[in-house]
Each structure stands twice: as structure tokens, then as C-alpha cells.
Amino acid sequence: MVDSLRHNEWLEKAGRDLKSARVLKQNDCGNDVVAFHCQQAIEKSLKGYLLKQTGQVAEGHSLIYLCKEASSHHAEFKKRLKDCAFVNQYYIETRYPADVPLVVSDDEADECISVAEEMYKMVTEII
């Protein structure tokens, strides 16, 4: 295993995305933006974890893929696949205008924050 502290940089960025999601939600800045920052927080948390485990930055943005990769190193991640699938839907659809926009409800935004907080906490505790 590579002893790299760069994984900490990924976790710091994940923490900032999570904080941004909370601030945006509190200030009614749009649930779509909240959901996107939550997706980013989870992605960076998982990439930080995988970097710590493998010494390599994982490719891709799919939370499902990254969570499956993480589960090959720690079984606890298998329990998070469904949550990752839920938040994963907000990666592309929330970033661009669309003919049929994806509407993110208050409850969905709150759920995204909860999932991101749980993933970030789990990763920082495991590392």
C-alpha cells in the first residue's frame, strides 16, 4: 500500500463540498445545486479512500462504480450502494439546462446531504 497523504487533500475538498451543500440549502440557493455538491462530496470521499488504499486516483464519476471499488477493500461500503445510486442521479442532470429539468425536492436535497454526511464520516473514520 502506498503511504500517500494526498488522500487528505481529496477529503478536504469533499468536506468543503459538503459544507457548501449545507450553506446552499440553508440559504435557499437551489436544491439542484445542493444535490450536485453532495454528489461531489461523496465522489471525492470515495476517491480519497481509494487513493489511500491503492495509491492510484480512481477514474470516473459514477458513485456506484466508486463505491463498488471501495467495497473490495472494506465490506461496509456495500451497505452504501443504494444511497450512492440515489445521489448518483444528480451528477449530470443538475448541472445543465434541459427541456425537462430534473426537479429536486426539499426532501431529496435533505436526503442527499444526509447520505453525503454519512459517507464522509465513514471514510474519515476508516482512514
N, C-alpha and C. Protein backbone atom coordinates (compact mmCIF):
# COMPACT_ATOMS: atom_id res chain seq x y z
N MET A 1 0.84 -1.17 0.00
CA MET A 1 0.00 0.00 0.00
C MET A 1 0.89 1.25 0.00
N VAL A 2 0.53 2.20 -0.81
CA VAL A 2 1.29 3.44 -0.90
C VAL A 2 0.92 4.34 0.27
N ASP A 3 1.91 4.89 0.91
CA ASP A 3 1.66 5.81 2.01
C ASP A 3 1.65 7.23 1.47
N SER A 4 0.50 7.66 0.99
CA SER A 4 0.36 8.98 0.40
C SER A 4 -0.58 9.83 1.25
N LEU A 5 -0.17 11.05 1.51
CA LEU A 5 -1.04 11.96 2.24
C LEU A 5 -1.97 12.72 1.29
N ARG A 6 -1.83 12.51 -0.01
CA ARG A 6 -2.70 13.19 -0.96
C ARG A 6 -4.16 12.83 -0.76
N HIS A 7 -4.42 11.67 -0.17
CA HIS A 7 -5.81 11.30 0.09
C HIS A 7 -6.47 12.34 0.99
N ASN A 8 -5.67 12.96 1.86
CA ASN A 8 -6.21 14.00 2.74
C ASN A 8 -6.71 15.20 1.94
N GLU A 9 -6.04 15.52 0.85
CA GLU A 9 -6.48 16.63 0.00
C GLU A 9 -7.85 16.34 -0.60
N TRP A 10 -8.08 15.10 -1.01
CA TRP A 10 -9.38 14.72 -1.54
C TRP A 10 -10.45 14.84 -0.46
N LEU A 11 -10.11 14.44 0.75
CA LEU A 11 -11.09 14.52 1.84
C LEU A 11 -11.35 15.96 2.25
N GLU A 12 -10.35 16.81 2.20
CA GLU A 12 -10.57 18.23 2.49
C GLU A 12 -11.53 18.84 1.48
N LYS A 13 -11.33 18.53 0.21
CA LYS A 13 -12.23 19.04 -0.82
C LYS A 13 -13.64 18.47 -0.64
N ALA A 14 -13.73 17.21 -0.28
CA ALA A 14 -15.03 16.59 -0.01
C ALA A 14 -15.74 17.33 1.13
N GLY A 15 -14.99 17.64 2.17
CA GLY A 15 -15.56 18.37 3.30
C GLY A 15 -16.07 19.74 2.91
N ARG A 16 -15.34 20.40 2.01
CA ARG A 16 -15.78 21.73 1.55
C ARG A 16 -17.03 21.62 0.68
N ASP A 17 -17.11 20.58 -0.14
CA ASP A 17 -18.34 20.38 -0.93
C ASP A 17 -19.53 20.11 -0.01
N LEU A 18 -19.32 19.33 1.02
CA LEU A 18 -20.39 19.04 1.97
C LEU A 18 -20.83 20.31 2.70
N LYS A 19 -19.86 21.10 3.14
CA LYS A 19 -20.19 22.37 3.81
C LYS A 19 -20.93 23.29 2.84
N SER A 20 -20.50 23.33 1.59
CA SER A 20 -21.17 24.15 0.59
C SER A 20 -22.61 23.73 0.41
N ALA A 21 -22.86 22.42 0.36
CA ALA A 21 -24.23 21.92 0.22
C ALA A 21 -25.10 22.39 1.37
N ARG A 22 -24.57 22.32 2.58
CA ARG A 22 -25.35 22.76 3.75
C ARG A 22 -25.66 24.25 3.68
N VAL A 23 -24.66 25.06 3.35
CA VAL A 23 -24.84 26.52 3.26
C VAL A 23 -25.85 26.86 2.17
N LEU A 24 -25.72 26.22 1.03
CA LEU A 24 -26.65 26.48 -0.07
C LEU A 24 -28.08 26.11 0.31
N LYS A 25 -28.24 25.00 1.00
CA LYS A 25 -29.57 24.57 1.45
C LYS A 25 -30.15 25.56 2.44
N GLN A 26 -29.35 25.98 3.40
CA GLN A 26 -29.81 26.92 4.42
C GLN A 26 -30.21 28.26 3.82
N ASN A 27 -29.59 28.62 2.71
CA ASN A 27 -29.85 29.92 2.10
C ASN A 27 -30.73 29.83 0.86
N ASP A 28 -31.41 28.71 0.70
CA ASP A 28 -32.38 28.52 -0.37
C ASP A 28 -31.80 28.88 -1.74
N CYS A 29 -30.63 28.33 -2.03
CA CYS A 29 -29.93 28.64 -3.29
C CYS A 29 -30.23 27.65 -4.41
N GLY A 30 -31.11 26.73 -4.18
CA GLY A 30 -31.49 25.76 -5.20
C GLY A 30 -31.11 24.35 -4.81
N ASN A 31 -32.11 23.49 -4.73
CA ASN A 31 -31.86 22.10 -4.35
C ASN A 31 -31.04 21.34 -5.37
N ASP A 32 -31.10 21.77 -6.63
CA ASP A 32 -30.28 21.11 -7.65
C ASP A 32 -28.80 21.30 -7.36
N VAL A 33 -28.43 22.50 -6.94
CA VAL A 33 -27.03 22.80 -6.64
C VAL A 33 -26.61 22.07 -5.36
N VAL A 34 -27.52 21.97 -4.41
CA VAL A 34 -27.25 21.23 -3.18
C VAL A 34 -26.95 19.76 -3.52
N ALA A 35 -27.80 19.17 -4.33
CA ALA A 35 -27.63 17.76 -4.70
C ALA A 35 -26.31 17.55 -5.45
N PHE A 36 -25.96 18.47 -6.33
CA PHE A 36 -24.70 18.35 -7.06
C PHE A 36 -23.50 18.37 -6.12
N HIS A 37 -23.50 19.29 -5.16
CA HIS A 37 -22.38 19.36 -4.21
C HIS A 37 -22.31 18.11 -3.34
N CYS A 38 -23.45 17.52 -3.05
CA CYS A 38 -23.45 16.27 -2.29
C CYS A 38 -22.84 15.15 -3.12
N GLN A 39 -23.19 15.10 -4.41
CA GLN A 39 -22.59 14.11 -5.29
C GLN A 39 -21.08 14.28 -5.31
N GLN A 40 -20.63 15.52 -5.40
CA GLN A 40 -19.20 15.80 -5.43
C GLN A 40 -18.52 15.40 -4.12
N ALA A 41 -19.17 15.66 -3.00
CA ALA A 41 -18.61 15.29 -1.69
C ALA A 41 -18.42 13.78 -1.58
N ILE A 42 -19.41 13.03 -2.06
CA ILE A 42 -19.31 11.57 -2.00
C ILE A 42 -18.23 11.08 -2.95
N GLU A 43 -18.22 11.62 -4.17
CA GLU A 43 -17.20 11.20 -5.14
C GLU A 43 -15.79 11.43 -4.60
N LYS A 44 -15.55 12.60 -4.03
CA LYS A 44 -14.21 12.92 -3.53
C LYS A 44 -13.87 12.11 -2.29
N SER A 45 -14.87 11.82 -1.46
CA SER A 45 -14.64 10.96 -0.30
C SER A 45 -14.20 9.57 -0.75
N LEU A 46 -14.93 9.02 -1.71
CA LEU A 46 -14.59 7.68 -2.22
C LEU A 46 -13.24 7.68 -2.91
N LYS A 47 -12.95 8.70 -3.70
CA LYS A 47 -11.66 8.76 -4.38
C LYS A 47 -10.51 8.92 -3.38
N GLY A 48 -10.74 9.67 -2.32
CA GLY A 48 -9.74 9.78 -1.27
C GLY A 48 -9.48 8.45 -0.59
N TYR A 49 -10.56 7.74 -0.30
CA TYR A 49 -10.42 6.42 0.32
C TYR A 49 -9.66 5.47 -0.60
N LEU A 50 -10.06 5.45 -1.86
CA LEU A 50 -9.41 4.54 -2.81
C LEU A 50 -7.95 4.92 -3.04
N LEU A 51 -7.64 6.20 -3.05
CA LEU A 51 -6.24 6.62 -3.17
C LEU A 51 -5.42 6.11 -2.00
N LYS A 52 -5.98 6.20 -0.81
CA LYS A 52 -5.29 5.71 0.38
C LYS A 52 -5.04 4.21 0.29
N GLN A 53 -6.02 3.49 -0.26
CA GLN A 53 -5.91 2.02 -0.32
C GLN A 53 -5.02 1.53 -1.45
N THR A 54 -5.05 2.23 -2.60
CA THR A 54 -4.39 1.70 -3.79
C THR A 54 -3.19 2.52 -4.27
N GLY A 55 -3.11 3.77 -3.83
CA GLY A 55 -2.05 4.64 -4.34
C GLY A 55 -2.37 5.23 -5.70
N GLN A 56 -3.57 4.97 -6.21
CA GLN A 56 -3.99 5.45 -7.52
C GLN A 56 -5.27 6.27 -7.39
N VAL A 57 -5.37 7.34 -8.17
CA VAL A 57 -6.62 8.10 -8.22
C VAL A 57 -7.59 7.33 -9.11
N ALA A 58 -8.74 7.01 -8.57
CA ALA A 58 -9.75 6.24 -9.32
C ALA A 58 -10.31 7.09 -10.45
N GLU A 59 -10.54 6.45 -11.57
CA GLU A 59 -11.12 7.10 -12.74
C GLU A 59 -12.64 7.11 -12.63
N GLY A 60 -13.26 8.08 -13.28
CA GLY A 60 -14.72 8.11 -13.40
C GLY A 60 -15.40 8.92 -12.32
N HIS A 61 -16.70 9.08 -12.53
CA HIS A 61 -17.51 9.89 -11.63
C HIS A 61 -18.70 9.14 -11.06
N SER A 62 -18.90 7.91 -11.48
CA SER A 62 -20.04 7.14 -11.02
C SER A 62 -19.85 6.74 -9.55
N LEU A 63 -20.77 7.18 -8.72
CA LEU A 63 -20.70 6.83 -7.31
C LEU A 63 -20.90 5.33 -7.11
N ILE A 64 -21.68 4.72 -7.96
CA ILE A 64 -21.92 3.28 -7.87
C ILE A 64 -20.61 2.53 -8.12
N TYR A 65 -19.92 2.88 -9.20
CA TYR A 65 -18.64 2.25 -9.52
C TYR A 65 -17.63 2.47 -8.39
N LEU A 66 -17.50 3.71 -7.94
CA LEU A 66 -16.51 4.03 -6.91
C LEU A 66 -16.82 3.30 -5.61
N CYS A 67 -18.09 3.21 -5.26
CA CYS A 67 -18.49 2.51 -4.04
C CYS A 67 -18.21 1.01 -4.15
N LYS A 68 -18.46 0.44 -5.33
CA LYS A 68 -18.14 -0.98 -5.54
C LYS A 68 -16.64 -1.22 -5.41
N GLU A 69 -15.84 -0.31 -5.98
CA GLU A 69 -14.39 -0.43 -5.86
C GLU A 69 -13.98 -0.35 -4.38
N ALA A 70 -14.56 0.58 -3.64
CA ALA A 70 -14.24 0.73 -2.22
C ALA A 70 -14.66 -0.51 -1.43
N SER A 71 -15.77 -1.13 -1.83
CA SER A 71 -16.26 -2.31 -1.11
C SER A 71 -15.32 -3.50 -1.25
N SER A 72 -14.47 -3.48 -2.27
CA SER A 72 -13.49 -4.57 -2.40
C SER A 72 -12.37 -4.43 -1.37
N HIS A 73 -12.30 -3.28 -0.71
CA HIS A 73 -11.30 -3.05 0.33
C HIS A 73 -11.91 -3.05 1.73
N HIS A 74 -13.22 -2.74 1.80
CA HIS A 74 -13.90 -2.68 3.10
C HIS A 74 -15.38 -2.99 2.88
N ALA A 75 -15.87 -4.02 3.52
CA ALA A 75 -17.23 -4.50 3.29
C ALA A 75 -18.32 -3.48 3.64
N GLU A 76 -18.03 -2.56 4.51
CA GLU A 76 -19.03 -1.57 4.95
C GLU A 76 -19.58 -0.76 3.76
N PHE A 77 -18.78 -0.59 2.73
CA PHE A 77 -19.21 0.20 1.58
C PHE A 77 -20.37 -0.46 0.83
N LYS A 78 -20.48 -1.78 0.90
CA LYS A 78 -21.58 -2.49 0.22
C LYS A 78 -22.93 -1.99 0.72
N LYS A 79 -22.99 -1.61 1.99
CA LYS A 79 -24.23 -1.11 2.58
C LYS A 79 -24.61 0.26 2.05
N ARG A 80 -23.70 0.93 1.38
CA ARG A 80 -23.91 2.30 0.89
C ARG A 80 -24.24 2.37 -0.60
N LEU A 81 -24.28 1.23 -1.28
CA LEU A 81 -24.52 1.24 -2.72
C LEU A 81 -25.85 1.87 -3.11
N LYS A 82 -26.90 1.54 -2.39
CA LYS A 82 -28.23 2.09 -2.70
C LYS A 82 -28.22 3.61 -2.54
N ASP A 83 -27.60 4.09 -1.47
CA ASP A 83 -27.51 5.53 -1.25
C ASP A 83 -26.70 6.20 -2.36
N CYS A 84 -25.63 5.55 -2.78
CA CYS A 84 -24.81 6.10 -3.87
C CYS A 84 -25.61 6.16 -5.16
N ALA A 85 -26.42 5.16 -5.41
CA ALA A 85 -27.26 5.16 -6.61
C ALA A 85 -28.25 6.31 -6.57
N PHE A 86 -28.80 6.60 -5.41
CA PHE A 86 -29.74 7.72 -5.26
C PHE A 86 -29.07 9.05 -5.60
N VAL A 87 -27.92 9.31 -5.01
CA VAL A 87 -27.25 10.60 -5.21
C VAL A 87 -26.61 10.68 -6.60
N ASN A 88 -26.23 9.54 -7.15
CA ASN A 88 -25.57 9.50 -8.45
C ASN A 88 -26.40 10.18 -9.55
N GLN A 89 -27.71 10.12 -9.44
CA GLN A 89 -28.58 10.69 -10.46
C GLN A 89 -28.46 12.20 -10.58
N TYR A 90 -27.84 12.84 -9.61
CA TYR A 90 -27.75 14.30 -9.60
C TYR A 90 -26.44 14.84 -10.15
N TYR A 91 -25.62 13.98 -10.74
CA TYR A 91 -24.33 14.44 -11.24
C TYR A 91 -24.46 15.26 -12.52
N ILE A 92 -25.09 14.74 -13.51
CA ILE A 92 -25.19 15.44 -14.80
C ILE A 92 -26.45 16.30 -14.85
N GLU A 93 -27.56 15.73 -14.48
CA GLU A 93 -28.85 16.37 -14.69
C GLU A 93 -29.02 17.70 -13.95
N THR A 94 -28.28 17.90 -12.89
CA THR A 94 -28.42 19.15 -12.13
C THR A 94 -27.52 20.25 -12.64
N ARG A 95 -26.61 19.93 -13.54
CA ARG A 95 -25.60 20.90 -13.95
C ARG A 95 -25.96 21.72 -15.18
N TYR A 96 -26.88 21.21 -15.99
CA TYR A 96 -27.15 21.86 -17.26
C TYR A 96 -28.65 22.08 -17.46
N PRO A 97 -29.03 23.12 -18.18
CA PRO A 97 -30.45 23.30 -18.52
C PRO A 97 -30.94 22.13 -19.38
N ALA A 98 -32.20 21.79 -19.24
CA ALA A 98 -32.76 20.69 -20.01
C ALA A 98 -34.19 21.02 -20.40
N ASP A 99 -34.65 20.40 -21.48
CA ASP A 99 -36.04 20.58 -21.89
C ASP A 99 -36.99 20.13 -20.80
N VAL A 100 -36.63 19.04 -20.14
CA VAL A 100 -37.40 18.55 -19.00
C VAL A 100 -36.45 18.53 -17.81
N PRO A 101 -36.41 19.63 -17.05
CA PRO A 101 -35.43 19.71 -15.96
C PRO A 101 -35.74 18.74 -14.83
N LEU A 102 -34.69 18.30 -14.19
CA LEU A 102 -34.82 17.45 -13.02
C LEU A 102 -35.11 18.34 -11.82
N VAL A 103 -36.25 18.15 -11.21
CA VAL A 103 -36.63 18.93 -10.04
C VAL A 103 -36.22 18.15 -8.80
N VAL A 104 -35.47 18.80 -7.93
CA VAL A 104 -35.01 18.18 -6.70
C VAL A 104 -35.83 18.77 -5.55
N SER A 105 -36.60 17.93 -4.89
CA SER A 105 -37.46 18.39 -3.80
C SER A 105 -36.63 18.70 -2.56
N ASP A 106 -37.25 19.38 -1.61
CA ASP A 106 -36.58 19.65 -0.33
C ASP A 106 -36.18 18.35 0.36
N ASP A 107 -37.09 17.37 0.34
CA ASP A 107 -36.79 16.08 0.98
C ASP A 107 -35.62 15.37 0.30
N GLU A 108 -35.58 15.43 -1.03
CA GLU A 108 -34.48 14.81 -1.76
C GLU A 108 -33.16 15.51 -1.46
N ALA A 109 -33.18 16.83 -1.39
CA ALA A 109 -31.96 17.57 -1.07
C ALA A 109 -31.48 17.22 0.34
N ASP A 110 -32.42 17.14 1.27
CA ASP A 110 -32.07 16.76 2.64
C ASP A 110 -31.47 15.35 2.69
N GLU A 111 -32.05 14.44 1.90
CA GLU A 111 -31.54 13.07 1.84
C GLU A 111 -30.14 13.04 1.25
N CYS A 112 -29.90 13.85 0.23
CA CYS A 112 -28.56 13.92 -0.36
C CYS A 112 -27.54 14.39 0.68
N ILE A 113 -27.90 15.40 1.45
CA ILE A 113 -26.99 15.90 2.50
C ILE A 113 -26.72 14.80 3.52
N SER A 114 -27.76 14.10 3.92
CA SER A 114 -27.60 13.03 4.90
C SER A 114 -26.68 11.92 4.38
N VAL A 115 -26.88 11.51 3.14
CA VAL A 115 -26.05 10.46 2.54
C VAL A 115 -24.60 10.93 2.45
N ALA A 116 -24.40 12.16 2.01
CA ALA A 116 -23.04 12.69 1.88
C ALA A 116 -22.36 12.79 3.24
N GLU A 117 -23.10 13.23 4.25
CA GLU A 117 -22.53 13.32 5.60
C GLU A 117 -22.12 11.94 6.11
N GLU A 118 -22.98 10.95 5.89
CA GLU A 118 -22.69 9.60 6.36
C GLU A 118 -21.47 9.01 5.66
N MET A 119 -21.38 9.23 4.34
CA MET A 119 -20.24 8.69 3.59
C MET A 119 -18.94 9.37 4.03
N TYR A 120 -18.98 10.68 4.14
CA TYR A 120 -17.78 11.43 4.54
C TYR A 120 -17.33 10.98 5.93
N LYS A 121 -18.27 10.84 6.85
CA LYS A 121 -17.94 10.41 8.21
C LYS A 121 -17.35 9.01 8.21
N MET A 122 -17.97 8.11 7.45
CA MET A 122 -17.49 6.74 7.40
C MET A 122 -16.06 6.67 6.86
N VAL A 123 -15.82 7.38 5.76
CA VAL A 123 -14.48 7.36 5.15
C VAL A 123 -13.44 7.93 6.10
N THR A 124 -13.74 9.06 6.73
CA THR A 124 -12.76 9.66 7.62
C THR A 124 -12.51 8.79 8.85
N GLU A 125 -13.51 8.06 9.30
CA GLU A 125 -13.31 7.16 10.44
C GLU A 125 -12.49 5.93 10.05
N ILE A 126 -12.72 5.40 8.86
CA ILE A 126 -12.00 4.20 8.40
C ILE A 126 -10.53 4.54 8.16
N ILE A 127 -10.30 5.70 7.54
CA ILE A 127 -8.91 6.08 7.24
C ILE A 127 -8.22 6.46 8.54
